[in-house]
Amino acid sequence: MPAYDYRCKACAQVFEVFYRSPGAAQRAGAPACPHCGGTDTVKLVSRIAPAVSGGGAQRPSVDAGAAAAGEPTYTPRSQIDSWRQNK
C-alpha cells in the first residue's frame, strides 16, 4: 500500500495519504489538506526506506522530521480507520 507525503501551500501542514495502489493515487489527484481543507497541495519527494535485518524496510516518518523542525504534524488515523471499515 503506497503512502505519499503532501504539503499544503496554504498552511504549510505536511500530511501523509495512503492509497490501495499507485494507480489509485494517480487517479485521485492531489488531496485536500486535512488540517485547513485547502485544495492547493503538492506531493513531496519520498524519502528512501533503509533496509533492515530480516529483509524488511522501515520508512522514516515525515512526522518525526516535521516535529524535530517544529512544524505541525498530522496522523491520518481517520483515513486508516475508514479503509479498515471498507475491507
N, C-alpha and C. Protein backbone atom coordinates (compact mmCIF):
# COMPACT_ATOMS: atom_id res chain seq x y z
N MET A 1 0.85 -1.16 0.00
CA MET A 1 0.00 0.00 0.00
C MET A 1 0.90 1.24 0.00
N PRO A 2 0.94 1.98 -1.11
CA PRO A 2 1.83 3.15 -1.17
C PRO A 2 1.32 4.30 -0.31
N ALA A 3 2.26 5.03 0.25
CA ALA A 3 1.95 6.22 1.03
C ALA A 3 2.69 7.39 0.40
N TYR A 4 2.02 8.51 0.30
CA TYR A 4 2.61 9.71 -0.29
C TYR A 4 2.51 10.86 0.70
N ASP A 5 3.56 11.67 0.74
CA ASP A 5 3.59 12.84 1.61
C ASP A 5 3.21 14.07 0.79
N TYR A 6 2.40 14.93 1.38
CA TYR A 6 1.96 16.16 0.73
C TYR A 6 2.17 17.33 1.69
N ARG A 7 2.31 18.53 1.12
CA ARG A 7 2.38 19.76 1.91
C ARG A 7 1.31 20.70 1.38
N CYS A 8 0.57 21.29 2.30
CA CYS A 8 -0.46 22.27 1.95
C CYS A 8 0.22 23.62 1.73
N LYS A 9 -0.05 24.25 0.60
CA LYS A 9 0.54 25.56 0.32
C LYS A 9 -0.09 26.66 1.17
N ALA A 10 -1.31 26.46 1.65
CA ALA A 10 -1.99 27.48 2.44
C ALA A 10 -1.49 27.54 3.88
N CYS A 11 -1.34 26.36 4.53
CA CYS A 11 -0.97 26.35 5.95
C CYS A 11 0.38 25.68 6.23
N ALA A 12 1.05 25.17 5.19
CA ALA A 12 2.36 24.51 5.29
C ALA A 12 2.31 23.20 6.07
N GLN A 13 1.13 22.67 6.31
CA GLN A 13 0.97 21.39 7.01
C GLN A 13 1.49 20.25 6.12
N VAL A 14 2.28 19.35 6.68
CA VAL A 14 2.73 18.15 5.97
C VAL A 14 1.86 17.00 6.44
N PHE A 15 1.34 16.22 5.49
CA PHE A 15 0.49 15.09 5.86
C PHE A 15 0.74 13.94 4.90
N GLU A 16 0.35 12.75 5.32
CA GLU A 16 0.58 11.53 4.57
C GLU A 16 -0.76 10.94 4.15
N VAL A 17 -0.81 10.45 2.92
CA VAL A 17 -2.02 9.83 2.40
C VAL A 17 -1.66 8.43 1.91
N PHE A 18 -2.45 7.44 2.29
CA PHE A 18 -2.25 6.06 1.86
C PHE A 18 -3.22 5.74 0.73
N TYR A 19 -2.74 4.99 -0.25
CA TYR A 19 -3.58 4.56 -1.38
C TYR A 19 -3.49 3.05 -1.50
N ARG A 20 -4.51 2.46 -2.09
CA ARG A 20 -4.52 1.00 -2.28
C ARG A 20 -3.52 0.54 -3.33
N SER A 21 -3.20 1.43 -4.30
CA SER A 21 -2.24 1.10 -5.35
C SER A 21 -1.69 2.40 -5.93
N PRO A 22 -0.55 2.35 -6.64
CA PRO A 22 -0.03 3.56 -7.29
C PRO A 22 -1.03 4.13 -8.30
N GLY A 23 -1.76 3.26 -8.99
CA GLY A 23 -2.77 3.71 -9.94
C GLY A 23 -3.88 4.49 -9.26
N ALA A 24 -4.27 4.05 -8.07
CA ALA A 24 -5.32 4.75 -7.32
C ALA A 24 -4.84 6.15 -6.94
N ALA A 25 -3.56 6.29 -6.62
CA ALA A 25 -3.00 7.60 -6.27
C ALA A 25 -3.04 8.54 -7.47
N GLN A 26 -2.70 8.02 -8.65
CA GLN A 26 -2.73 8.85 -9.86
C GLN A 26 -4.15 9.28 -10.19
N ARG A 27 -5.10 8.37 -10.06
CA ARG A 27 -6.49 8.70 -10.39
C ARG A 27 -7.08 9.71 -9.40
N ALA A 28 -6.64 9.65 -8.15
CA ALA A 28 -7.20 10.52 -7.12
C ALA A 28 -6.74 11.97 -7.25
N GLY A 29 -5.55 12.18 -7.78
CA GLY A 29 -5.03 13.54 -7.85
C GLY A 29 -4.58 14.02 -6.48
N ALA A 30 -4.28 15.31 -6.38
CA ALA A 30 -3.79 15.88 -5.12
C ALA A 30 -4.93 15.97 -4.11
N PRO A 31 -4.71 15.49 -2.88
CA PRO A 31 -5.76 15.52 -1.86
C PRO A 31 -5.90 16.89 -1.20
N ALA A 32 -7.01 17.11 -0.55
CA ALA A 32 -7.22 18.32 0.24
C ALA A 32 -6.48 18.19 1.56
N CYS A 33 -6.07 19.29 2.12
CA CYS A 33 -5.37 19.31 3.40
C CYS A 33 -6.34 18.93 4.53
N PRO A 34 -5.98 17.94 5.36
CA PRO A 34 -6.86 17.55 6.47
C PRO A 34 -6.86 18.59 7.60
N HIS A 35 -5.88 19.48 7.59
CA HIS A 35 -5.78 20.48 8.66
C HIS A 35 -6.67 21.70 8.38
N CYS A 36 -6.55 22.29 7.17
CA CYS A 36 -7.29 23.51 6.87
C CYS A 36 -8.31 23.34 5.75
N GLY A 37 -8.29 22.17 5.07
CA GLY A 37 -9.23 21.93 3.98
C GLY A 37 -8.79 22.51 2.65
N GLY A 38 -7.60 23.11 2.62
CA GLY A 38 -7.09 23.71 1.39
C GLY A 38 -6.89 22.67 0.30
N THR A 39 -7.14 23.07 -0.93
CA THR A 39 -7.01 22.13 -2.05
C THR A 39 -5.73 22.34 -2.85
N ASP A 40 -4.91 23.32 -2.47
CA ASP A 40 -3.65 23.58 -3.16
C ASP A 40 -2.54 22.85 -2.41
N THR A 41 -2.39 21.55 -2.70
CA THR A 41 -1.37 20.73 -2.04
C THR A 41 -0.37 20.24 -3.07
N VAL A 42 0.83 19.96 -2.62
CA VAL A 42 1.89 19.50 -3.51
C VAL A 42 2.49 18.21 -2.94
N LYS A 43 2.74 17.26 -3.83
CA LYS A 43 3.35 15.98 -3.43
C LYS A 43 4.83 16.22 -3.17
N LEU A 44 5.32 15.70 -2.05
CA LEU A 44 6.72 15.84 -1.68
C LEU A 44 7.53 14.66 -2.20
N VAL A 45 8.81 14.86 -2.34
CA VAL A 45 9.70 13.78 -2.76
C VAL A 45 9.79 12.80 -1.60
N SER A 46 9.57 11.53 -1.89
CA SER A 46 9.58 10.49 -0.85
C SER A 46 10.99 10.24 -0.36
N ARG A 47 11.07 9.90 0.91
CA ARG A 47 12.35 9.53 1.49
C ARG A 47 12.64 8.07 1.16
N ILE A 48 13.91 7.72 1.13
CA ILE A 48 14.31 6.35 0.84
C ILE A 48 14.18 5.53 2.12
N ALA A 49 13.59 4.35 2.00
CA ALA A 49 13.44 3.45 3.15
C ALA A 49 14.71 2.61 3.28
N PRO A 50 15.44 2.73 4.38
CA PRO A 50 16.66 1.93 4.56
C PRO A 50 16.32 0.47 4.82
N ALA A 51 17.17 -0.41 4.34
CA ALA A 51 16.98 -1.84 4.58
C ALA A 51 17.34 -2.15 6.03
N VAL A 52 16.60 -3.07 6.62
CA VAL A 52 16.89 -3.51 7.98
C VAL A 52 17.06 -5.02 7.97
N SER A 53 17.65 -5.57 9.01
CA SER A 53 17.84 -7.01 9.05
C SER A 53 16.50 -7.72 9.02
N GLY A 54 16.44 -8.85 8.38
CA GLY A 54 15.20 -9.60 8.27
C GLY A 54 14.49 -9.36 6.95
N GLY A 55 15.09 -8.53 6.09
CA GLY A 55 14.51 -8.30 4.77
C GLY A 55 13.44 -7.24 4.72
N GLY A 56 13.03 -6.70 5.87
CA GLY A 56 12.01 -5.66 5.89
C GLY A 56 12.62 -4.30 5.65
N ALA A 57 11.79 -3.32 5.60
CA ALA A 57 12.26 -1.95 5.45
C ALA A 57 11.45 -1.07 6.38
N GLN A 58 12.09 -0.05 6.84
CA GLN A 58 11.38 0.92 7.68
C GLN A 58 11.38 2.25 6.95
N ARG A 59 10.23 2.85 6.85
CA ARG A 59 10.10 4.14 6.18
C ARG A 59 10.24 5.22 7.24
N PRO A 60 11.21 6.13 7.06
CA PRO A 60 11.33 7.21 8.04
C PRO A 60 10.04 8.01 8.11
N SER A 61 9.65 8.39 9.28
CA SER A 61 8.40 9.12 9.46
C SER A 61 8.58 10.58 9.15
N VAL A 62 7.76 11.09 8.23
CA VAL A 62 7.80 12.52 7.93
C VAL A 62 7.36 13.31 9.16
N ASP A 63 6.49 12.72 9.98
CA ASP A 63 6.02 13.40 11.18
C ASP A 63 7.17 13.61 12.17
N ALA A 64 8.06 12.63 12.28
CA ALA A 64 9.19 12.77 13.20
C ALA A 64 10.10 13.91 12.74
N GLY A 65 10.35 14.00 11.44
CA GLY A 65 11.17 15.08 10.91
C GLY A 65 10.51 16.43 11.08
N ALA A 66 9.21 16.49 10.85
CA ALA A 66 8.48 17.75 10.99
C ALA A 66 8.46 18.19 12.45
N ALA A 67 8.27 17.24 13.36
CA ALA A 67 8.23 17.57 14.78
C ALA A 67 9.59 18.11 15.23
N ALA A 68 10.68 17.51 14.73
CA ALA A 68 12.01 17.96 15.09
C ALA A 68 12.26 19.38 14.58
N ALA A 69 11.65 19.73 13.45
CA ALA A 69 11.82 21.05 12.87
C ALA A 69 10.82 22.06 13.45
N GLY A 70 9.97 21.60 14.39
CA GLY A 70 8.99 22.48 14.99
C GLY A 70 7.77 22.72 14.14
N GLU A 71 7.58 21.91 13.09
CA GLU A 71 6.43 22.06 12.21
C GLU A 71 5.24 21.27 12.76
N PRO A 72 4.02 21.69 12.42
CA PRO A 72 2.85 20.92 12.85
C PRO A 72 2.82 19.57 12.14
N THR A 73 2.23 18.57 12.78
CA THR A 73 2.16 17.23 12.20
C THR A 73 0.71 16.75 12.16
N TYR A 74 0.49 15.69 11.39
CA TYR A 74 -0.85 15.13 11.24
C TYR A 74 -0.73 13.62 11.13
N THR A 75 -1.53 12.89 11.87
CA THR A 75 -1.60 11.44 11.77
C THR A 75 -2.94 11.08 11.14
N PRO A 76 -2.94 10.41 9.97
CA PRO A 76 -4.19 10.14 9.24
C PRO A 76 -4.97 8.96 9.81
N ARG A 77 -5.20 8.93 11.11
CA ARG A 77 -5.89 7.81 11.74
C ARG A 77 -7.30 7.64 11.18
N SER A 78 -8.02 8.73 10.92
CA SER A 78 -9.39 8.62 10.40
C SER A 78 -9.39 7.96 9.02
N GLN A 79 -8.37 8.25 8.22
CA GLN A 79 -8.28 7.64 6.90
C GLN A 79 -8.02 6.14 7.02
N ILE A 80 -7.14 5.75 7.90
CA ILE A 80 -6.83 4.34 8.10
C ILE A 80 -8.06 3.60 8.62
N ASP A 81 -8.78 4.21 9.56
CA ASP A 81 -9.99 3.59 10.10
C ASP A 81 -11.05 3.39 9.02
N SER A 82 -11.19 4.35 8.11
CA SER A 82 -12.19 4.21 7.05
C SER A 82 -11.82 3.07 6.10
N TRP A 83 -10.53 2.86 5.84
CA TRP A 83 -10.12 1.75 4.98
C TRP A 83 -10.42 0.42 5.66
N ARG A 84 -10.20 0.36 6.95
CA ARG A 84 -10.49 -0.89 7.67
C ARG A 84 -11.96 -1.24 7.58
N GLN A 85 -12.83 -0.25 7.61
CA GLN A 85 -14.27 -0.47 7.51
C GLN A 85 -14.68 -0.90 6.11
N ASN A 86 -13.94 -0.48 5.09
CA ASN A 86 -14.30 -0.76 3.69
C ASN A 86 -13.71 -2.06 3.16
N LYS A 87 -13.04 -2.84 3.98
CA LYS A 87 -12.44 -4.10 3.51
C LYS A 87 -13.48 -5.06 3.04
